[in-house]
N, C-alpha and C. Protein backbone atom coordinates (compact mmCIF):
# COMPACT_ATOMS: atom_id res chain seq x y z
N MET A 1 -45.72 30.02 -42.40
CA MET A 1 -46.37 31.20 -41.85
C MET A 1 -47.86 31.16 -42.13
N LYS A 2 -48.67 31.43 -41.10
CA LYS A 2 -50.11 31.53 -41.28
C LYS A 2 -50.48 33.00 -41.52
N ALA A 3 -51.25 33.25 -42.55
CA ALA A 3 -51.64 34.62 -42.86
C ALA A 3 -53.13 34.68 -43.16
N VAL A 4 -53.74 35.80 -42.77
CA VAL A 4 -55.11 36.13 -43.16
C VAL A 4 -55.02 37.08 -44.34
N GLY A 5 -55.89 36.91 -45.32
CA GLY A 5 -55.93 37.80 -46.46
C GLY A 5 -57.05 38.81 -46.33
N VAL A 6 -56.76 40.05 -46.73
CA VAL A 6 -57.80 41.08 -46.75
C VAL A 6 -57.80 41.74 -48.13
N ILE A 7 -58.95 41.69 -48.76
CA ILE A 7 -59.14 42.34 -50.06
C ILE A 7 -59.70 43.73 -49.80
N LEU A 8 -59.01 44.74 -50.30
CA LEU A 8 -59.37 46.12 -50.01
C LEU A 8 -60.36 46.65 -51.04
N ALA A 9 -61.60 46.86 -50.58
CA ALA A 9 -62.66 47.37 -51.46
C ALA A 9 -63.45 48.46 -50.75
N GLY A 10 -62.76 49.22 -49.91
CA GLY A 10 -63.46 50.21 -49.09
C GLY A 10 -63.46 51.61 -49.63
N GLY A 11 -62.91 51.81 -50.83
CA GLY A 11 -62.80 53.15 -51.40
C GLY A 11 -64.06 53.60 -52.13
N LEU A 12 -63.97 54.80 -52.70
CA LEU A 12 -65.12 55.40 -53.38
C LEU A 12 -65.08 55.21 -54.89
N SER A 13 -64.00 54.65 -55.42
CA SER A 13 -63.88 54.34 -56.86
C SER A 13 -64.19 55.56 -57.74
N ARG A 14 -63.66 56.70 -57.38
CA ARG A 14 -63.97 57.94 -58.11
C ARG A 14 -63.54 57.86 -59.57
N ARG A 15 -62.35 57.30 -59.83
CA ARG A 15 -61.86 57.26 -61.22
C ARG A 15 -62.66 56.29 -62.08
N MET A 16 -63.36 55.36 -61.43
CA MET A 16 -64.21 54.43 -62.17
C MET A 16 -65.61 55.00 -62.34
N GLY A 17 -65.87 56.15 -61.72
CA GLY A 17 -67.19 56.77 -61.83
C GLY A 17 -68.07 56.50 -60.64
N GLY A 18 -67.48 55.97 -59.56
CA GLY A 18 -68.26 55.69 -58.35
C GLY A 18 -68.77 54.26 -58.32
N GLY A 19 -69.47 53.92 -57.26
CA GLY A 19 -70.00 52.56 -57.11
C GLY A 19 -68.91 51.61 -56.63
N ASP A 20 -69.14 50.34 -56.82
CA ASP A 20 -68.21 49.31 -56.36
C ASP A 20 -67.37 48.81 -57.54
N LYS A 21 -66.16 49.29 -57.59
CA LYS A 21 -65.26 48.88 -58.67
C LYS A 21 -65.07 47.36 -58.68
N ALA A 22 -65.05 46.77 -57.50
CA ALA A 22 -64.82 45.32 -57.41
C ALA A 22 -65.90 44.49 -58.09
N LEU A 23 -67.06 45.11 -58.32
CA LEU A 23 -68.17 44.38 -58.95
C LEU A 23 -68.22 44.56 -60.46
N GLN A 24 -67.27 45.30 -61.02
CA GLN A 24 -67.19 45.43 -62.47
C GLN A 24 -66.82 44.09 -63.09
N LEU A 25 -67.28 43.87 -64.31
CA LEU A 25 -67.07 42.58 -64.97
C LEU A 25 -65.87 42.60 -65.90
N VAL A 26 -65.14 41.50 -65.88
CA VAL A 26 -64.06 41.24 -66.85
C VAL A 26 -64.20 39.79 -67.27
N GLY A 27 -64.43 39.57 -68.55
CA GLY A 27 -64.62 38.21 -69.02
C GLY A 27 -65.82 37.52 -68.41
N GLY A 28 -66.88 38.29 -68.15
CA GLY A 28 -68.11 37.73 -67.62
C GLY A 28 -68.10 37.45 -66.12
N ARG A 29 -67.02 37.79 -65.43
CA ARG A 29 -66.93 37.59 -63.98
C ARG A 29 -66.49 38.89 -63.32
N THR A 30 -66.89 39.09 -62.09
CA THR A 30 -66.49 40.31 -61.41
C THR A 30 -64.99 40.30 -61.10
N LEU A 31 -64.43 41.49 -61.00
CA LEU A 31 -63.04 41.60 -60.56
C LEU A 31 -62.85 40.90 -59.22
N LEU A 32 -63.82 41.09 -58.33
CA LEU A 32 -63.71 40.48 -57.00
C LEU A 32 -63.68 38.96 -57.08
N ASP A 33 -64.51 38.37 -57.92
CA ASP A 33 -64.48 36.92 -58.11
C ASP A 33 -63.08 36.45 -58.49
N ARG A 34 -62.47 37.17 -59.39
CA ARG A 34 -61.16 36.76 -59.89
C ARG A 34 -60.09 36.90 -58.81
N VAL A 35 -60.17 37.96 -58.01
CA VAL A 35 -59.21 38.15 -56.92
C VAL A 35 -59.38 37.07 -55.87
N ILE A 36 -60.62 36.77 -55.50
CA ILE A 36 -60.89 35.71 -54.53
C ILE A 36 -60.31 34.38 -55.01
N GLU A 37 -60.55 34.05 -56.25
CA GLU A 37 -60.08 32.78 -56.80
C GLU A 37 -58.57 32.63 -56.68
N ARG A 38 -57.85 33.72 -56.87
CA ARG A 38 -56.39 33.65 -56.87
C ARG A 38 -55.80 33.72 -55.46
N LEU A 39 -56.44 34.47 -54.57
CA LEU A 39 -55.86 34.66 -53.24
C LEU A 39 -56.31 33.63 -52.21
N LYS A 40 -57.54 33.16 -52.30
CA LYS A 40 -58.09 32.31 -51.24
C LYS A 40 -57.24 31.07 -50.95
N PRO A 41 -56.69 30.38 -51.96
CA PRO A 41 -55.88 29.19 -51.65
C PRO A 41 -54.57 29.51 -50.92
N GLN A 42 -54.20 30.78 -50.86
CA GLN A 42 -52.91 31.16 -50.29
C GLN A 42 -52.97 31.53 -48.81
N VAL A 43 -54.19 31.66 -48.26
CA VAL A 43 -54.33 32.18 -46.90
C VAL A 43 -55.19 31.26 -46.04
N GLU A 44 -55.11 31.48 -44.74
CA GLU A 44 -55.91 30.69 -43.80
C GLU A 44 -57.38 31.11 -43.84
N THR A 45 -57.62 32.40 -43.91
CA THR A 45 -58.95 32.99 -43.94
C THR A 45 -58.90 34.19 -44.85
N LEU A 46 -59.98 34.45 -45.57
CA LEU A 46 -60.02 35.59 -46.48
C LEU A 46 -61.14 36.54 -46.07
N LEU A 47 -60.80 37.84 -45.95
CA LEU A 47 -61.75 38.88 -45.56
C LEU A 47 -61.94 39.85 -46.70
N LEU A 48 -63.07 40.58 -46.63
CA LEU A 48 -63.30 41.68 -47.56
C LEU A 48 -63.48 42.95 -46.76
N ASN A 49 -62.64 43.93 -47.03
CA ASN A 49 -62.79 45.25 -46.40
C ASN A 49 -63.70 46.09 -47.29
N ALA A 50 -64.87 46.43 -46.78
CA ALA A 50 -65.83 47.24 -47.54
C ALA A 50 -66.65 48.07 -46.58
N ASN A 51 -67.04 49.25 -47.05
CA ASN A 51 -67.86 50.15 -46.24
C ASN A 51 -69.27 50.23 -46.80
N GLY A 52 -70.22 50.72 -46.01
CA GLY A 52 -71.60 50.79 -46.45
C GLY A 52 -72.34 49.49 -46.19
N ASP A 53 -73.40 49.26 -46.94
CA ASP A 53 -74.25 48.09 -46.74
C ASP A 53 -73.52 46.82 -47.15
N ALA A 54 -73.22 45.98 -46.18
CA ALA A 54 -72.46 44.76 -46.46
C ALA A 54 -73.26 43.74 -47.26
N ALA A 55 -74.58 43.91 -47.31
CA ALA A 55 -75.42 42.90 -47.98
C ALA A 55 -75.08 42.76 -49.46
N ARG A 56 -74.57 43.82 -50.07
CA ARG A 56 -74.29 43.75 -51.51
C ARG A 56 -73.16 42.78 -51.82
N PHE A 57 -72.36 42.43 -50.81
CA PHE A 57 -71.27 41.48 -51.01
C PHE A 57 -71.59 40.10 -50.44
N ALA A 58 -72.79 39.92 -49.95
CA ALA A 58 -73.15 38.64 -49.32
C ALA A 58 -72.94 37.44 -50.24
N PRO A 59 -73.23 37.54 -51.55
CA PRO A 59 -73.05 36.37 -52.41
C PRO A 59 -71.64 35.81 -52.45
N PHE A 60 -70.65 36.59 -52.03
CA PHE A 60 -69.27 36.12 -52.09
C PHE A 60 -68.89 35.27 -50.88
N GLY A 61 -69.70 35.30 -49.83
CA GLY A 61 -69.49 34.43 -48.69
C GLY A 61 -68.27 34.72 -47.85
N LEU A 62 -67.81 35.95 -47.84
CA LEU A 62 -66.65 36.32 -47.06
C LEU A 62 -67.05 37.16 -45.85
N PRO A 63 -66.31 37.07 -44.75
CA PRO A 63 -66.53 38.03 -43.66
C PRO A 63 -66.25 39.45 -44.17
N ILE A 64 -67.12 40.39 -43.82
CA ILE A 64 -66.96 41.78 -44.26
C ILE A 64 -66.48 42.60 -43.06
N VAL A 65 -65.39 43.33 -43.24
CA VAL A 65 -64.88 44.20 -42.18
C VAL A 65 -64.83 45.63 -42.72
N ALA A 66 -65.51 46.52 -42.04
CA ALA A 66 -65.53 47.93 -42.44
C ALA A 66 -64.36 48.67 -41.79
N ASP A 67 -64.04 49.83 -42.34
CA ASP A 67 -63.01 50.68 -41.73
C ASP A 67 -63.44 51.04 -40.31
N SER A 68 -62.48 51.01 -39.40
CA SER A 68 -62.77 51.47 -38.04
C SER A 68 -62.48 52.95 -37.89
N VAL A 69 -61.86 53.54 -38.90
CA VAL A 69 -61.58 54.98 -38.93
C VAL A 69 -62.56 55.61 -39.92
N ALA A 70 -63.30 56.60 -39.47
CA ALA A 70 -64.33 57.22 -40.31
C ALA A 70 -63.72 58.07 -41.42
N GLY A 71 -64.53 58.33 -42.45
CA GLY A 71 -64.14 59.29 -43.47
C GLY A 71 -63.39 58.73 -44.65
N TYR A 72 -63.52 57.46 -44.92
CA TYR A 72 -62.83 56.85 -46.07
C TYR A 72 -61.35 57.23 -46.05
N ALA A 73 -60.64 56.70 -45.08
CA ALA A 73 -59.25 57.07 -44.83
C ALA A 73 -58.26 56.35 -45.75
N GLY A 74 -58.74 55.63 -46.74
CA GLY A 74 -57.85 55.01 -47.70
C GLY A 74 -57.45 53.59 -47.36
N PRO A 75 -56.54 53.03 -48.17
CA PRO A 75 -56.19 51.62 -48.00
C PRO A 75 -55.58 51.28 -46.64
N LEU A 76 -54.89 52.22 -46.01
CA LEU A 76 -54.34 51.93 -44.69
C LEU A 76 -55.44 51.59 -43.69
N ALA A 77 -56.59 52.25 -43.82
CA ALA A 77 -57.71 51.95 -42.93
C ALA A 77 -58.21 50.53 -43.15
N GLY A 78 -58.18 50.08 -44.39
CA GLY A 78 -58.57 48.70 -44.68
C GLY A 78 -57.57 47.70 -44.12
N VAL A 79 -56.29 48.03 -44.22
CA VAL A 79 -55.27 47.17 -43.63
C VAL A 79 -55.47 47.09 -42.12
N LEU A 80 -55.72 48.22 -41.48
CA LEU A 80 -55.95 48.23 -40.04
C LEU A 80 -57.15 47.37 -39.66
N ALA A 81 -58.21 47.46 -40.44
CA ALA A 81 -59.40 46.63 -40.18
C ALA A 81 -59.04 45.15 -40.24
N GLY A 82 -58.21 44.79 -41.21
CA GLY A 82 -57.77 43.39 -41.31
C GLY A 82 -56.90 42.96 -40.16
N LEU A 83 -56.00 43.83 -39.72
CA LEU A 83 -55.14 43.50 -38.58
C LEU A 83 -55.96 43.34 -37.31
N ASP A 84 -56.93 44.24 -37.11
CA ASP A 84 -57.78 44.15 -35.91
C ASP A 84 -58.61 42.88 -35.91
N TRP A 85 -59.21 42.56 -37.07
CA TRP A 85 -60.03 41.35 -37.16
C TRP A 85 -59.18 40.11 -36.87
N THR A 86 -57.98 40.09 -37.41
CA THR A 86 -57.10 38.93 -37.21
C THR A 86 -56.71 38.78 -35.75
N ALA A 87 -56.39 39.88 -35.09
CA ALA A 87 -56.03 39.82 -33.67
C ALA A 87 -57.18 39.29 -32.83
N ASP A 88 -58.41 39.65 -33.21
CA ASP A 88 -59.58 39.22 -32.45
C ASP A 88 -60.05 37.80 -32.77
N HIS A 89 -59.95 37.42 -34.04
CA HIS A 89 -60.57 36.16 -34.48
C HIS A 89 -59.59 35.07 -34.87
N ARG A 90 -58.37 35.45 -35.27
CA ARG A 90 -57.38 34.44 -35.66
C ARG A 90 -56.04 34.76 -35.02
N PRO A 91 -55.97 34.69 -33.68
CA PRO A 91 -54.71 35.02 -33.00
C PRO A 91 -53.57 34.07 -33.35
N ASP A 92 -53.89 32.97 -34.01
CA ASP A 92 -52.84 32.06 -34.46
C ASP A 92 -52.13 32.56 -35.71
N CYS A 93 -52.65 33.60 -36.31
CA CYS A 93 -52.06 34.15 -37.53
C CYS A 93 -51.35 35.46 -37.19
N ALA A 94 -50.04 35.51 -37.42
CA ALA A 94 -49.25 36.67 -37.05
C ALA A 94 -49.14 37.71 -38.17
N HIS A 95 -49.65 37.38 -39.36
CA HIS A 95 -49.53 38.29 -40.49
C HIS A 95 -50.84 38.39 -41.28
N VAL A 96 -50.98 39.52 -41.94
CA VAL A 96 -52.10 39.77 -42.84
C VAL A 96 -51.53 40.19 -44.19
N VAL A 97 -52.04 39.61 -45.25
CA VAL A 97 -51.65 40.04 -46.58
C VAL A 97 -52.79 40.87 -47.16
N SER A 98 -52.47 42.04 -47.68
CA SER A 98 -53.47 42.91 -48.28
C SER A 98 -53.29 42.92 -49.79
N VAL A 99 -54.44 42.98 -50.49
CA VAL A 99 -54.41 43.09 -51.96
C VAL A 99 -55.53 44.03 -52.38
N ALA A 100 -55.38 44.59 -53.56
CA ALA A 100 -56.43 45.42 -54.14
C ALA A 100 -57.53 44.53 -54.71
N SER A 101 -58.73 45.08 -54.74
CA SER A 101 -59.88 44.31 -55.25
C SER A 101 -60.01 44.41 -56.77
N ASP A 102 -59.14 45.15 -57.42
CA ASP A 102 -59.26 45.38 -58.86
C ASP A 102 -58.07 44.84 -59.64
N ALA A 103 -57.41 43.82 -59.07
CA ALA A 103 -56.21 43.25 -59.70
C ALA A 103 -56.48 41.80 -60.09
N PRO A 104 -57.09 41.55 -61.24
CA PRO A 104 -57.55 40.20 -61.58
C PRO A 104 -56.45 39.21 -61.92
N PHE A 105 -55.19 39.68 -62.05
CA PHE A 105 -54.10 38.78 -62.43
C PHE A 105 -53.06 38.62 -61.32
N LEU A 106 -53.42 38.93 -60.07
CA LEU A 106 -52.43 38.90 -58.99
C LEU A 106 -51.81 37.50 -58.90
N PRO A 107 -50.54 37.43 -58.46
CA PRO A 107 -49.81 36.16 -58.49
C PRO A 107 -50.43 35.10 -57.58
N LYS A 108 -50.42 33.88 -58.07
CA LYS A 108 -50.92 32.77 -57.28
C LYS A 108 -49.93 32.32 -56.21
N ASP A 109 -48.71 32.86 -56.27
CA ASP A 109 -47.71 32.58 -55.25
C ASP A 109 -47.34 33.85 -54.49
N LEU A 110 -48.24 34.82 -54.45
CA LEU A 110 -47.96 36.10 -53.82
C LEU A 110 -47.53 35.95 -52.37
N VAL A 111 -48.30 35.22 -51.58
CA VAL A 111 -48.03 35.12 -50.15
C VAL A 111 -46.72 34.39 -49.90
N ALA A 112 -46.47 33.31 -50.60
CA ALA A 112 -45.22 32.57 -50.42
C ALA A 112 -44.02 33.44 -50.76
N ARG A 113 -44.12 34.22 -51.83
CA ARG A 113 -43.01 35.08 -52.24
C ARG A 113 -42.79 36.20 -51.24
N LEU A 114 -43.87 36.80 -50.75
CA LEU A 114 -43.72 37.86 -49.75
C LEU A 114 -43.12 37.31 -48.46
N GLU A 115 -43.58 36.13 -48.07
CA GLU A 115 -43.03 35.50 -46.85
C GLU A 115 -41.53 35.25 -47.01
N ALA A 116 -41.12 34.74 -48.17
CA ALA A 116 -39.70 34.50 -48.41
C ALA A 116 -38.92 35.81 -48.37
N GLY A 117 -39.57 36.89 -48.80
CA GLY A 117 -38.92 38.19 -48.82
C GLY A 117 -38.62 38.74 -47.44
N LEU A 118 -39.30 38.22 -46.42
CA LEU A 118 -39.02 38.68 -45.06
C LEU A 118 -37.65 38.21 -44.58
N ALA A 119 -37.21 37.06 -45.09
CA ALA A 119 -35.85 36.56 -44.84
C ALA A 119 -35.43 36.68 -43.39
N GLY A 120 -36.23 36.11 -42.49
CA GLY A 120 -35.85 36.09 -41.09
C GLY A 120 -36.15 37.35 -40.32
N SER A 121 -36.89 38.27 -40.92
CA SER A 121 -37.28 39.51 -40.22
C SER A 121 -38.80 39.58 -40.14
N PRO A 122 -39.42 38.78 -39.26
CA PRO A 122 -40.88 38.71 -39.20
C PRO A 122 -41.54 40.02 -38.81
N GLY A 123 -40.79 40.95 -38.26
CA GLY A 123 -41.37 42.24 -37.90
C GLY A 123 -41.37 43.26 -39.01
N ALA A 124 -40.77 42.90 -40.17
CA ALA A 124 -40.73 43.80 -41.32
C ALA A 124 -42.04 43.72 -42.10
N VAL A 125 -42.22 44.65 -43.01
CA VAL A 125 -43.32 44.63 -43.97
C VAL A 125 -42.74 44.22 -45.32
N ALA A 126 -43.34 43.21 -45.95
CA ALA A 126 -42.90 42.78 -47.28
C ALA A 126 -43.87 43.32 -48.31
N CYS A 127 -43.35 43.99 -49.31
CA CYS A 127 -44.19 44.67 -50.30
C CYS A 127 -43.81 44.20 -51.70
N ALA A 128 -44.80 43.95 -52.54
CA ALA A 128 -44.55 43.52 -53.91
C ALA A 128 -44.06 44.69 -54.77
N ALA A 129 -43.27 44.35 -55.78
CA ALA A 129 -42.79 45.34 -56.73
C ALA A 129 -42.73 44.70 -58.12
N SER A 130 -42.91 45.52 -59.15
CA SER A 130 -42.76 45.05 -60.52
C SER A 130 -42.52 46.25 -61.41
N GLY A 131 -41.83 46.01 -62.50
CA GLY A 131 -41.59 47.09 -63.44
C GLY A 131 -40.88 48.28 -62.84
N GLY A 132 -40.07 48.06 -61.82
CA GLY A 132 -39.31 49.13 -61.22
C GLY A 132 -40.05 49.99 -60.23
N ARG A 133 -41.26 49.57 -59.83
CA ARG A 133 -41.97 50.35 -58.82
C ARG A 133 -42.65 49.43 -57.81
N ALA A 134 -42.79 49.97 -56.60
CA ALA A 134 -43.43 49.22 -55.52
C ALA A 134 -44.94 49.29 -55.64
N HIS A 135 -45.60 48.27 -55.10
CA HIS A 135 -47.07 48.21 -55.06
C HIS A 135 -47.46 48.06 -53.59
N PRO A 136 -47.50 49.16 -52.84
CA PRO A 136 -47.64 49.06 -51.38
C PRO A 136 -48.94 48.47 -50.88
N VAL A 137 -49.97 48.42 -51.73
CA VAL A 137 -51.23 47.80 -51.31
C VAL A 137 -51.09 46.28 -51.27
N PHE A 138 -50.16 45.73 -52.04
CA PHE A 138 -49.92 44.29 -52.08
C PHE A 138 -48.77 43.99 -51.13
N ALA A 139 -49.11 43.73 -49.87
CA ALA A 139 -48.06 43.63 -48.85
C ALA A 139 -48.44 42.64 -47.77
N LEU A 140 -47.41 42.19 -47.07
CA LEU A 140 -47.56 41.28 -45.93
C LEU A 140 -47.23 42.07 -44.66
N TRP A 141 -48.21 42.17 -43.76
CA TRP A 141 -48.12 43.04 -42.59
C TRP A 141 -48.11 42.23 -41.30
N PRO A 142 -47.19 42.51 -40.38
CA PRO A 142 -47.27 41.89 -39.06
C PRO A 142 -48.46 42.46 -38.28
N VAL A 143 -49.23 41.59 -37.66
CA VAL A 143 -50.36 42.05 -36.84
C VAL A 143 -49.87 42.95 -35.71
N ALA A 144 -48.63 42.75 -35.30
CA ALA A 144 -48.07 43.54 -34.20
C ALA A 144 -47.98 45.04 -34.52
N LEU A 145 -48.13 45.41 -35.78
CA LEU A 145 -48.05 46.83 -36.15
C LEU A 145 -49.36 47.58 -35.97
N ARG A 146 -50.41 46.90 -35.54
CA ARG A 146 -51.73 47.53 -35.59
C ARG A 146 -51.86 48.75 -34.69
N ALA A 147 -51.26 48.75 -33.51
CA ALA A 147 -51.36 49.91 -32.63
C ALA A 147 -50.66 51.12 -33.26
N ASP A 148 -49.50 50.89 -33.84
CA ASP A 148 -48.78 51.97 -34.49
C ASP A 148 -49.55 52.48 -35.70
N LEU A 149 -50.16 51.58 -36.44
CA LEU A 149 -50.94 51.97 -37.62
C LEU A 149 -52.16 52.79 -37.21
N ARG A 150 -52.83 52.38 -36.14
CA ARG A 150 -53.99 53.14 -35.68
C ARG A 150 -53.57 54.56 -35.25
N GLN A 151 -52.46 54.66 -34.57
CA GLN A 151 -51.94 55.96 -34.17
C GLN A 151 -51.68 56.83 -35.40
N ALA A 152 -51.07 56.25 -36.42
CA ALA A 152 -50.72 57.01 -37.62
C ALA A 152 -51.97 57.50 -38.36
N ILE A 153 -52.98 56.65 -38.46
CA ILE A 153 -54.18 57.02 -39.22
C ILE A 153 -55.06 57.97 -38.42
N ALA A 154 -55.41 57.56 -37.21
CA ALA A 154 -56.43 58.27 -36.44
C ALA A 154 -55.91 59.55 -35.80
N ARG A 155 -54.65 59.56 -35.37
CA ARG A 155 -54.14 60.72 -34.63
C ARG A 155 -53.21 61.61 -35.46
N GLU A 156 -52.54 61.02 -36.44
CA GLU A 156 -51.59 61.80 -37.23
C GLU A 156 -52.09 62.11 -38.63
N GLY A 157 -53.19 61.48 -39.04
CA GLY A 157 -53.75 61.75 -40.35
C GLY A 157 -52.98 61.17 -41.51
N VAL A 158 -52.17 60.15 -41.27
CA VAL A 158 -51.41 59.52 -42.36
C VAL A 158 -52.38 58.76 -43.27
N ARG A 159 -52.26 58.98 -44.58
CA ARG A 159 -53.15 58.32 -45.53
C ARG A 159 -52.39 57.48 -46.57
N LYS A 160 -51.19 57.89 -46.91
CA LYS A 160 -50.43 57.18 -47.93
C LYS A 160 -49.69 55.99 -47.32
N VAL A 161 -49.81 54.86 -47.98
CA VAL A 161 -49.21 53.64 -47.45
C VAL A 161 -47.70 53.79 -47.31
N ASP A 162 -47.05 54.39 -48.31
CA ASP A 162 -45.59 54.46 -48.25
C ASP A 162 -45.09 55.38 -47.15
N LEU A 163 -45.90 56.34 -46.72
CA LEU A 163 -45.51 57.19 -45.60
C LEU A 163 -45.46 56.38 -44.30
N PHE A 164 -46.38 55.44 -44.18
CA PHE A 164 -46.37 54.59 -42.98
C PHE A 164 -45.25 53.56 -43.05
N THR A 165 -45.10 52.89 -44.18
CA THR A 165 -44.09 51.83 -44.27
C THR A 165 -42.67 52.41 -44.14
N ALA A 166 -42.50 53.70 -44.45
CA ALA A 166 -41.17 54.32 -44.31
C ALA A 166 -40.70 54.33 -42.86
N ARG A 167 -41.63 54.17 -41.93
CA ARG A 167 -41.26 54.15 -40.50
C ARG A 167 -40.74 52.79 -40.05
N HIS A 168 -40.89 51.80 -40.89
CA HIS A 168 -40.58 50.43 -40.50
C HIS A 168 -39.64 49.80 -41.52
N GLU A 169 -39.09 48.66 -41.15
CA GLU A 169 -38.27 47.93 -42.11
C GLU A 169 -39.15 47.43 -43.23
N LEU A 170 -38.79 47.76 -44.47
CA LEU A 170 -39.59 47.39 -45.63
C LEU A 170 -38.75 46.53 -46.56
N ARG A 171 -39.30 45.39 -46.93
CA ARG A 171 -38.64 44.49 -47.87
C ARG A 171 -39.42 44.50 -49.19
N LEU A 172 -38.78 44.90 -50.28
CA LEU A 172 -39.41 44.87 -51.59
C LEU A 172 -39.16 43.51 -52.23
N VAL A 173 -40.21 42.92 -52.75
CA VAL A 173 -40.14 41.60 -53.37
C VAL A 173 -40.48 41.75 -54.85
N PRO A 174 -39.50 41.59 -55.74
CA PRO A 174 -39.76 41.82 -57.16
C PRO A 174 -40.49 40.66 -57.83
N PHE A 175 -41.39 41.03 -58.73
CA PHE A 175 -42.12 40.07 -59.57
C PHE A 175 -41.90 40.45 -61.03
N ALA A 176 -41.84 39.45 -61.89
CA ALA A 176 -41.63 39.70 -63.32
C ALA A 176 -42.88 40.34 -63.95
N THR A 177 -42.66 41.10 -65.00
CA THR A 177 -43.78 41.73 -65.71
C THR A 177 -44.08 41.03 -67.04
N ALA A 178 -43.43 39.92 -67.31
CA ALA A 178 -43.70 39.15 -68.51
C ALA A 178 -44.29 37.80 -68.11
N PRO A 179 -45.29 37.31 -68.81
CA PRO A 179 -45.87 37.90 -70.02
C PRO A 179 -46.80 39.09 -69.75
N LEU A 180 -47.19 39.29 -68.47
CA LEU A 180 -47.97 40.49 -68.13
C LEU A 180 -47.63 40.89 -66.71
N ASP A 181 -47.92 42.16 -66.39
CA ASP A 181 -47.68 42.62 -65.04
C ASP A 181 -48.78 42.08 -64.14
N PRO A 182 -48.44 41.23 -63.15
CA PRO A 182 -49.49 40.61 -62.33
C PRO A 182 -50.21 41.63 -61.43
N PHE A 183 -49.68 42.84 -61.35
CA PHE A 183 -50.31 43.85 -60.50
C PHE A 183 -51.06 44.90 -61.31
N PHE A 184 -51.36 44.55 -62.56
CA PHE A 184 -52.26 45.38 -63.36
C PHE A 184 -53.55 45.58 -62.56
N ASN A 185 -54.00 46.82 -62.48
CA ASN A 185 -55.27 47.05 -61.78
C ASN A 185 -56.16 47.98 -62.59
N ALA A 186 -57.45 47.81 -62.40
CA ALA A 186 -58.45 48.53 -63.19
C ALA A 186 -58.98 49.72 -62.40
N ASN A 187 -58.40 50.89 -62.66
CA ASN A 187 -58.83 52.10 -61.96
C ASN A 187 -59.89 52.88 -62.73
N GLU A 188 -59.85 52.80 -64.06
CA GLU A 188 -60.73 53.58 -64.92
C GLU A 188 -61.44 52.66 -65.90
N PRO A 189 -62.55 53.13 -66.50
CA PRO A 189 -63.30 52.26 -67.42
C PRO A 189 -62.44 51.67 -68.54
N GLN A 190 -61.49 52.45 -69.09
CA GLN A 190 -60.66 51.91 -70.17
C GLN A 190 -59.77 50.77 -69.70
N ASP A 191 -59.49 50.74 -68.39
CA ASP A 191 -58.68 49.64 -67.85
C ASP A 191 -59.44 48.31 -67.91
N LEU A 192 -60.75 48.37 -67.82
CA LEU A 192 -61.54 47.15 -67.95
C LEU A 192 -61.41 46.56 -69.35
N LEU A 193 -61.36 47.43 -70.35
CA LEU A 193 -61.17 46.97 -71.74
C LEU A 193 -59.79 46.36 -71.90
N ALA A 194 -58.79 47.00 -71.28
CA ALA A 194 -57.43 46.45 -71.35
C ALA A 194 -57.37 45.08 -70.68
N ALA A 195 -58.08 44.94 -69.56
CA ALA A 195 -58.09 43.65 -68.85
C ALA A 195 -58.74 42.57 -69.70
N GLU A 196 -59.80 42.93 -70.42
CA GLU A 196 -60.46 41.96 -71.31
C GLU A 196 -59.47 41.46 -72.37
N LYS A 197 -58.67 42.37 -72.92
CA LYS A 197 -57.70 41.98 -73.94
C LYS A 197 -56.63 41.08 -73.36
N LEU A 198 -56.15 41.43 -72.17
CA LEU A 198 -55.13 40.60 -71.51
C LEU A 198 -55.68 39.21 -71.20
N LEU A 199 -56.92 39.16 -70.76
CA LEU A 199 -57.54 37.86 -70.43
C LEU A 199 -57.66 36.99 -71.68
N ALA A 200 -57.96 37.62 -72.80
CA ALA A 200 -58.06 36.87 -74.06
C ALA A 200 -56.69 36.30 -74.46
N LEU A 201 -55.63 37.06 -74.19
CA LEU A 201 -54.29 36.61 -74.55
C LEU A 201 -53.74 35.57 -73.56
N PHE A 202 -54.08 35.77 -72.27
CA PHE A 202 -53.54 34.91 -71.21
C PHE A 202 -54.69 34.41 -70.33
N PRO A 203 -55.50 33.48 -70.83
CA PRO A 203 -56.69 33.06 -70.09
C PRO A 203 -56.41 32.39 -68.75
N SER A 204 -55.20 31.88 -68.54
CA SER A 204 -54.90 31.20 -67.28
C SER A 204 -54.26 32.14 -66.27
């Protein structure tokens, strides 16, 4: 399966105090650097979903796609931006994998595991899970869902990912939480300190 990756960094990072959460440092490198390093080998093309002045992300060398729905509509808007970009620029890729920009330990086999989780249902959405809960931002999306997703966001005001995925076949793909939860994400300043400790314990 060919997939385009989209890193979601289009939010306002309120719990982190504002600014670009993806540019926060962990172990001397930005969260975004670490996510790129882990996801890029798994996809055909890697995009960054970000709003505002794209120049601040220029050093990362990724195509920048902004939300097409105004008003900071949440991660679904970033997923839609990735689906639209893929339909326009990589029609050979039928799926998009979305990840958060603040998850420095995401699995290096994420895409392969999500693809396997589809188990012959290419029209389903495959979503990662760990520790008994789903992580709907870490998912594999069929590009064919983009019209339905646009309708849900722009006309129905749907903002929560799980409200949208409930309309479609959803496959949960479990990941182990030992030695650490690969979907640990840094939402608040204290999470950056926790990430530093985890990195010291598990540098690879």
